[in-house]
Amino acid sequence: MNNDITTIAFDADDTLWINEPYFQEAEKEFCALLEDYLPQHSVSQELFKTEMKNLHLYGYGVKGFMLCMIETVSKVSNDTAPLTLINKTIEIGHELLQKPVELLEGVTETLENLKGKYKLVVATKGDLLDQERKLKKSGLQEYFHHIEIMSDKKESDYQKLLKHLDCKPKNFLMLGNSIKSDILPVLEIGGFAAHIPYHVTWSHEQHDLNLEHSNFMELERINDILNYL
C-alpha cells in the first residue's frame, strides 16, 4: 500500500460493532406481528419497499426504520390495524435503540496498534443520537480524532469529510463492510479502501461486483489491515 496514508477512517456498524443482526431480529419480530394480514416474507418485502421510498426523507438509522414499520402496518392492514399493533411496533424500535454494543473481534487490538501513528476517524451513517450512544458505550472514543455521522456515503460526502480533515485522497484510507458505501465512493475520489466482509448485510448495501483496483484491499478481519501498513 501507499506509504503516504496519514488518515484512517472506520465505518462503525458491522465494522467496529454488531448492528445488522439486531435489525434483522427486529424485522423478524415485526413481520410476525402482521402475519394475520400477510405472510411474513411478504411483510418483509413491503417494509423494504417503504424503506427505499422514504430513504431520501429519513436517512439511515433506527428512527427511520421505526417510521417505516409504522407505515407498513397501515399499508398491510389497509388502515385497520389496532393501536396495540402500532404500540408493539414502537416497542420493537425502542428495544433496538437500547441494544448492547458488542465489539467485533480484533477491533480494540487494531485501534491500539494504529493509535498515535495515524489520525483515526469514525465515518458512519445512521441516526446521530443512536450512533453517539453506541460510540460512548463502546469505550472506543479515546482512539478517534474525529467522529463524522454522515447522512449518506457518496463521493461528495467523502470529499466534504476530507476537506474538513484537511486530507488529500491519496493520504486517506477507509475501512468498512459495505462495498457500496465504504469502498466504491472512496476509490472513485482517489483514496484507499479496505473491505472487511460481515456475514450479514442489509439488502440495500449488497453488491456483487468483483472488484479489482490498485487502491483496494479485501481483508478477512479488521486486524489484517496491520499487515498492509
Protein backbone atom coordinates (compact mmCIF):
# COMPACT_ATOMS: atom_id res chain seq x y z
CA MET A 1 0.00 0.00 0.00
CA ASN A 2 0.97 3.62 -0.48
CA ASN A 3 3.05 4.76 2.50
CA ASP A 4 1.54 8.25 2.31
CA ILE A 5 -1.52 7.23 4.37
CA THR A 6 -2.00 9.69 7.24
CA THR A 7 -5.71 9.33 8.00
CA ILE A 8 -7.65 6.10 8.54
CA ALA A 9 -11.44 6.14 8.74
CA PHE A 10 -13.62 3.33 10.05
CA ASP A 11 -17.24 2.58 9.36
CA ALA A 12 -18.98 1.80 12.67
CA ASP A 13 -21.95 -0.57 12.25
CA ASP A 14 -20.80 -4.14 11.46
CA THR A 15 -17.21 -2.93 11.17
CA LEU A 16 -16.47 -1.88 14.76
CA TRP A 17 -19.52 -3.44 16.42
CA ILE A 18 -22.53 -5.69 15.71
CA ASN A 19 -25.54 -3.95 14.16
CA GLU A 20 -27.35 -5.61 11.24
CA PRO A 21 -28.22 -8.86 13.12
CA TYR A 22 -30.15 -6.71 15.62
CA PHE A 23 -32.10 -5.07 12.78
CA GLN A 24 -32.87 -8.46 11.25
CA GLU A 25 -34.10 -9.79 14.61
CA ALA A 26 -36.33 -6.71 14.96
CA GLU A 27 -37.66 -7.13 11.42
CA LYS A 28 -38.44 -10.81 12.05
CA GLU A 29 -40.35 -9.88 15.21
CA PHE A 30 -42.21 -7.13 13.32
CA CYS A 31 -43.18 -9.41 10.42
CA ALA A 32 -44.54 -11.98 12.90
CA LEU A 33 -46.83 -9.27 14.32
CA LEU A 34 -48.51 -8.86 10.93
CA GLU A 35 -48.83 -12.48 9.81
CA ASP A 36 -52.62 -12.30 10.24
CA TYR A 37 -52.61 -9.85 7.31
CA LEU A 38 -49.82 -11.19 5.08
CA PRO A 39 -47.18 -13.96 5.10
CA GLN A 40 -44.02 -12.85 6.91
CA HIS A 41 -41.85 -12.77 3.76
CA SER A 42 -44.44 -10.51 2.07
CA VAL A 43 -44.45 -8.14 5.06
CA SER A 44 -40.65 -8.02 4.83
CA GLN A 45 -40.86 -7.09 1.14
CA GLU A 46 -43.39 -4.34 1.88
CA LEU A 47 -41.19 -2.96 4.66
CA PHE A 48 -38.16 -2.85 2.35
CA LYS A 49 -40.14 -1.03 -0.34
CA THR A 50 -41.27 1.51 2.26
CA GLU A 51 -37.70 1.98 3.49
CA MET A 52 -36.43 2.62 -0.03
CA LYS A 53 -39.28 5.06 -0.74
CA ASN A 54 -38.51 7.06 2.40
CA LEU A 55 -34.72 6.88 2.44
CA HIS A 56 -34.33 10.37 0.99
CA LEU A 57 -36.65 11.73 3.73
CA TYR A 58 -35.50 9.82 6.81
CA GLY A 59 -31.93 8.84 6.02
CA TYR A 60 -30.41 5.82 7.74
CA GLY A 61 -30.90 4.55 11.27
CA VAL A 62 -33.36 3.16 13.79
CA LYS A 63 -35.79 6.09 13.87
CA GLY A 64 -36.37 5.97 10.12
CA PHE A 65 -36.77 2.20 10.42
CA MET A 66 -39.43 2.68 13.13
CA LEU A 67 -41.40 5.15 11.00
CA CYS A 68 -41.25 2.75 8.04
CA MET A 69 -42.50 -0.12 10.22
CA ILE A 70 -45.47 2.00 11.35
CA GLU A 71 -46.27 2.99 7.76
CA THR A 72 -46.06 -0.67 6.74
CA VAL A 73 -48.57 -1.62 9.47
CA SER A 74 -51.06 0.85 7.96
CA LYS A 75 -50.42 -0.33 4.42
CA VAL A 76 -50.51 -4.07 5.08
CA SER A 77 -53.66 -3.82 7.24
CA ASN A 78 -55.42 -1.32 4.92
CA ASP A 79 -55.55 1.11 7.86
CA THR A 80 -57.46 -1.37 10.03
CA ALA A 81 -54.68 -2.36 12.47
CA PRO A 82 -55.50 -1.74 16.15
CA LEU A 83 -53.47 0.81 18.10
CA THR A 84 -51.97 -2.02 20.16
CA LEU A 85 -50.17 -3.20 17.00
CA ILE A 86 -48.68 0.26 16.48
CA ASN A 87 -47.58 0.32 20.12
CA LYS A 88 -45.91 -3.09 19.77
CA THR A 89 -44.12 -1.82 16.66
CA ILE A 90 -42.82 1.21 18.56
CA GLU A 91 -41.64 -1.13 21.35
CA ILE A 92 -39.59 -3.11 18.82
CA GLY A 93 -37.90 0.15 17.79
CA HIS A 94 -37.26 1.16 21.40
CA GLU A 95 -35.64 -2.21 22.09
CA LEU A 96 -33.44 -1.73 19.03
CA LEU A 97 -32.30 1.64 20.36
CA GLN A 98 -31.19 0.03 23.61
CA LYS A 99 -29.26 -2.97 22.32
CA PRO A 100 -25.86 -3.61 23.90
CA VAL A 101 -22.75 -2.59 21.98
CA GLU A 102 -20.72 -5.68 21.20
CA LEU A 103 -17.32 -5.03 19.62
CA LEU A 104 -16.22 -7.24 16.77
CA GLU A 105 -13.12 -9.38 17.11
CA GLY A 106 -9.78 -7.58 16.69
CA VAL A 107 -11.18 -4.03 16.84
CA THR A 108 -9.50 -2.87 20.07
CA GLU A 109 -6.21 -4.55 19.16
CA THR A 110 -6.22 -2.84 15.73
CA LEU A 111 -7.00 0.63 17.11
CA GLU A 112 -4.40 0.22 19.85
CA ASN A 113 -1.82 -0.61 17.19
CA LEU A 114 -2.70 2.36 14.97
CA LYS A 115 -3.11 4.94 17.77
CA GLY A 116 -0.51 7.68 17.58
CA LYS A 117 0.71 6.61 14.12
CA TYR A 118 -2.32 7.80 12.14
CA LYS A 119 -5.21 10.21 12.52
CA LEU A 120 -8.12 7.85 13.26
CA VAL A 121 -11.68 8.78 12.31
CA VAL A 122 -15.15 7.24 12.53
CA ALA A 123 -17.13 7.82 9.32
CA THR A 124 -20.55 6.22 9.59
CA LYS A 125 -24.16 6.61 8.51
CA GLY A 126 -27.11 6.44 10.88
CA ASP A 127 -29.02 8.42 13.45
CA LEU A 128 -26.87 10.97 15.30
CA LEU A 129 -28.09 10.24 18.85
CA ASP A 130 -28.01 6.47 18.36
CA GLN A 131 -24.50 6.45 16.90
CA GLU A 132 -23.24 8.75 19.66
CA ARG A 133 -24.80 6.39 22.22
CA LYS A 134 -23.13 3.36 20.66
CA LEU A 135 -19.76 5.07 20.43
CA LYS A 136 -19.94 6.09 24.09
CA LYS A 137 -20.93 2.57 25.17
CA SER A 138 -18.22 1.02 23.01
CA GLY A 139 -15.40 2.59 25.03
CA LEU A 140 -13.60 3.46 21.77
CA GLN A 141 -13.96 7.26 21.80
CA GLU A 142 -10.41 7.83 23.07
CA TYR A 143 -8.94 6.38 19.85
CA PHE A 144 -10.59 8.80 17.45
CA HIS A 145 -9.52 12.27 16.39
CA HIS A 146 -12.89 12.96 14.74
CA ILE A 147 -16.38 11.42 14.56
CA GLU A 148 -18.45 12.03 11.41
CA ILE A 149 -22.09 10.86 11.37
CA MET A 150 -22.88 11.10 7.66
CA SER A 151 -26.32 11.43 6.09
CA ASP A 152 -25.01 9.37 3.17
CA LYS A 153 -21.74 7.98 1.86
CA LYS A 154 -21.42 9.16 -1.71
CA GLU A 155 -18.38 10.70 -3.37
CA SER A 156 -19.47 14.23 -2.44
CA ASP A 157 -19.89 13.18 1.21
CA TYR A 158 -16.35 11.81 1.36
CA GLN A 159 -14.99 14.91 -0.40
CA LYS A 160 -16.67 17.05 2.24
CA LEU A 161 -15.18 14.89 5.01
CA LEU A 162 -11.68 15.08 3.52
CA LYS A 163 -11.95 18.85 3.19
CA HIS A 164 -12.94 19.05 6.87
CA LEU A 165 -9.98 16.85 7.82
CA ASP A 166 -7.63 18.78 5.51
CA CYS A 167 -6.64 15.46 3.97
CA LYS A 168 -5.88 14.62 0.34
CA PRO A 169 -7.48 11.44 -1.11
CA LYS A 170 -4.04 9.84 -1.60
CA ASN A 171 -3.48 10.13 2.18
CA PHE A 172 -6.85 8.62 3.13
CA LEU A 173 -7.82 5.02 3.87
CA MET A 174 -11.40 3.86 4.57
CA LEU A 175 -12.25 0.54 6.22
CA GLY A 176 -15.77 -0.88 6.16
CA ASN A 177 -18.08 -3.80 5.47
CA SER A 178 -20.10 -2.24 2.63
CA ILE A 179 -18.66 -2.23 -0.90
CA LYS A 180 -21.37 0.22 -1.95
CA SER A 181 -20.91 2.76 0.87
CA ASP A 182 -17.38 2.31 2.23
CA ILE A 183 -15.35 1.23 -0.78
CA LEU A 184 -16.53 2.38 -4.24
CA PRO A 185 -17.01 6.11 -3.46
CA VAL A 186 -13.57 6.32 -1.80
CA LEU A 187 -11.85 4.62 -4.74
CA GLU A 188 -13.66 6.99 -7.12
CA ILE A 189 -12.17 10.06 -5.44
CA GLY A 190 -8.66 8.57 -5.41
CA GLY A 191 -8.48 7.25 -1.85
CA PHE A 192 -7.62 3.82 -0.49
CA ALA A 193 -10.26 1.38 0.75
CA ALA A 194 -10.24 -1.93 2.61
CA HIS A 195 -13.30 -4.18 2.64
CA ILE A 196 -13.99 -6.28 5.75
CA PRO A 197 -16.91 -8.56 4.88
CA TYR A 198 -19.57 -9.17 7.50
CA HIS A 199 -21.74 -12.30 7.40
CA VAL A 200 -24.97 -10.27 7.43
CA THR A 201 -25.55 -7.30 5.10
CA TRP A 202 -28.66 -5.18 4.60
CA SER A 203 -30.18 -5.73 1.12
CA HIS A 204 -29.68 -2.07 0.21
CA GLU A 205 -25.91 -2.35 0.81
CA GLN A 206 -25.32 -5.63 -1.04
CA HIS A 207 -23.03 -5.50 -4.06
CA ASP A 208 -21.97 -8.34 -6.37
CA LEU A 209 -19.17 -6.64 -8.29
CA ASN A 210 -15.85 -8.49 -8.38
CA LEU A 211 -13.61 -5.55 -7.59
CA GLU A 212 -10.06 -5.10 -8.82
CA HIS A 213 -8.33 -1.80 -8.11
CA SER A 214 -4.79 -0.88 -7.14
CA ASN A 215 -6.07 1.06 -4.09
CA PHE A 216 -8.38 -1.73 -2.90
CA MET A 217 -7.78 -4.44 -0.29
CA GLU A 218 -10.01 -7.37 0.65
CA LEU A 219 -9.50 -8.36 4.28
CA GLU A 220 -10.82 -11.31 6.27
CA ARG A 221 -10.88 -9.41 9.57
CA ILE A 222 -10.13 -5.88 10.73
CA ASN A 223 -6.66 -6.56 12.18
CA ASP A 224 -5.47 -7.81 8.77
CA ILE A 225 -5.00 -4.14 7.84
CA LEU A 226 -1.92 -4.10 10.08
CA ASN A 227 -0.15 -6.30 7.52
CA TYR A 228 -0.58 -3.58 4.86
CA LEU A 229 0.53 -0.52 6.85
